[in-house]
Protein backbone atom coordinates (compact mmCIF):
# COMPACT_ATOMS: atom_id res chain seq x y z
CA MET A 1 -14.95 7.04 -40.81
CA ALA A 2 -16.72 8.22 -43.94
CA ALA A 3 -15.02 5.86 -46.35
CA VAL A 4 -16.57 7.29 -49.50
CA ASP A 5 -15.29 10.82 -48.92
CA VAL A 6 -11.91 9.55 -47.75
CA SER A 7 -11.61 7.45 -50.91
CA TYR A 8 -11.50 10.68 -52.95
CA LEU A 9 -8.31 11.76 -51.17
CA THR A 10 -5.03 10.88 -52.85
CA GLU A 11 -3.29 7.78 -51.53
CA GLU A 12 -0.69 10.02 -49.89
CA GLU A 13 -3.42 12.08 -48.20
CA GLN A 14 -5.18 8.92 -47.04
CA GLN A 15 -1.94 7.69 -45.48
CA LYS A 16 -1.43 11.03 -43.72
CA LEU A 17 -5.00 10.92 -42.41
CA TRP A 18 -4.50 7.36 -41.18
CA ASN A 19 -1.31 8.44 -39.37
CA ILE A 20 -3.21 11.20 -37.56
CA VAL A 21 -6.16 8.95 -36.69
CA GLU A 22 -3.88 6.19 -35.36
CA ARG A 23 -1.53 8.49 -33.46
CA GLN A 24 -4.25 10.53 -31.78
CA GLY A 25 -6.98 7.90 -31.47
CA LEU A 26 -9.48 9.98 -33.40
CA LYS A 27 -12.88 9.18 -34.83
CA VAL A 28 -13.69 11.10 -37.99
CA LYS A 29 -17.35 11.81 -38.69
CA PRO A 30 -18.69 12.01 -42.27
CA VAL A 31 -18.94 15.80 -42.14
CA TYR A 32 -15.22 15.99 -41.28
CA ALA A 33 -14.30 13.61 -44.10
CA GLU A 34 -16.30 15.82 -46.46
CA LYS A 35 -14.30 18.89 -45.38
CA LEU A 36 -11.06 16.99 -45.97
CA ARG A 37 -12.29 15.87 -49.39
CA LYS A 38 -13.01 19.48 -50.37
CA ALA A 39 -9.46 20.45 -49.39
CA SER A 40 -7.91 17.48 -51.22
CA GLY A 41 -4.95 18.29 -53.40
CA SER A 42 -3.38 20.72 -50.98
CA LEU A 43 -3.56 18.68 -47.77
CA THR A 44 -0.48 18.30 -45.64
CA GLU A 45 -0.57 16.32 -42.40
CA GLU A 46 -0.45 19.63 -40.52
CA LYS A 47 -3.39 21.05 -42.52
CA MET A 48 -5.42 17.88 -41.88
CA ALA A 49 -4.76 18.12 -38.16
CA GLU A 50 -5.90 21.76 -38.20
CA ILE A 51 -9.12 20.86 -40.03
CA LEU A 52 -9.85 17.99 -37.65
CA GLU A 53 -9.16 20.14 -34.57
CA ALA A 54 -11.28 22.99 -35.89
CA LEU A 55 -14.18 20.61 -36.43
CA GLN A 56 -13.87 19.24 -32.89
CA VAL A 57 -13.08 15.64 -33.72
CA LYS A 58 -14.03 13.34 -30.86
CA HIS A 59 -11.69 10.75 -29.37
CA THR A 60 -12.68 7.10 -29.75
CA ASP A 61 -11.51 5.98 -26.31
CA GLY A 62 -14.91 6.84 -24.81
CA ASN A 63 -13.32 9.04 -22.17
CA ALA A 64 -15.27 12.28 -22.48
CA GLY A 65 -12.95 15.13 -21.72
CA VAL A 66 -12.29 18.77 -22.25
CA SER A 67 -10.53 20.05 -25.34
CA PHE A 68 -8.19 23.00 -25.41
CA LYS A 69 -5.60 24.31 -27.82
CA LEU A 70 -1.92 24.87 -27.23
CA PRO A 71 0.42 26.78 -29.50
CA LYS A 72 2.43 24.49 -31.77
CA SER A 73 5.64 25.73 -30.17
CA ILE A 74 4.53 24.37 -26.78
CA CYS A 75 3.34 21.09 -28.27
CA SER A 76 6.61 20.49 -30.09
CA LYS A 77 8.66 21.55 -27.05
CA TYR A 78 6.92 19.35 -24.47
CA PHE A 79 4.93 16.72 -26.39
CA ASP A 80 6.99 15.94 -29.50
CA GLY A 81 6.31 12.39 -30.67
CA MET A 82 3.63 11.68 -28.04
CA ASP A 83 0.12 10.43 -28.68
CA SER A 84 -2.91 11.95 -26.95
CA LYS A 85 -2.82 9.48 -24.03
CA GLN A 86 0.83 10.23 -23.34
CA MET A 87 0.13 13.97 -23.51
CA ALA A 88 -2.74 13.60 -21.05
CA ALA A 89 -0.47 11.71 -18.64
CA VAL A 90 2.16 14.47 -18.77
CA VAL A 91 -0.46 17.17 -18.20
CA GLU A 92 -1.92 15.21 -15.27
CA GLN A 93 1.52 14.77 -13.67
CA ALA A 94 2.37 18.44 -14.17
CA LEU A 95 -0.93 19.60 -12.67
CA ALA A 96 -0.60 17.23 -9.71
CA ALA A 97 2.91 18.53 -9.01
CA TRP A 98 1.80 22.15 -9.41
CA PHE A 99 -1.21 21.80 -7.09
CA GLU A 100 0.86 19.84 -4.57
CA GLY A 101 3.40 22.68 -4.49
CA LYS A 102 0.64 25.28 -4.21
CA GLU A 103 -0.93 23.49 -1.22
CA ALA A 104 2.45 23.21 0.48
CA ALA A 105 2.98 26.95 0.07
CA VAL A 106 -0.41 27.75 1.67
CA VAL A 107 0.13 25.56 4.75
């Protein structure tokens, strides 16, 4: 993480950023920290998450994957309180069940 740019955020903003990074297992590049620094003063946790998503923050778990966006209403309905690994597990289970049902219908 770009510690210098993050140090310019308020303590409250730094805590919010830490919460996002911990919860979602994110790695923040210096360019992303710079964008957050420029928005400092008006940053909510939601706004930070939007900035990080828009800048295509990479996950630190080393598992290269595909990113896609879901409306907030779907995320809060099905994934409320989950971290990225838990969300991925739910999506995998749902897709497996859906494809299993689709194959059964074809046979």
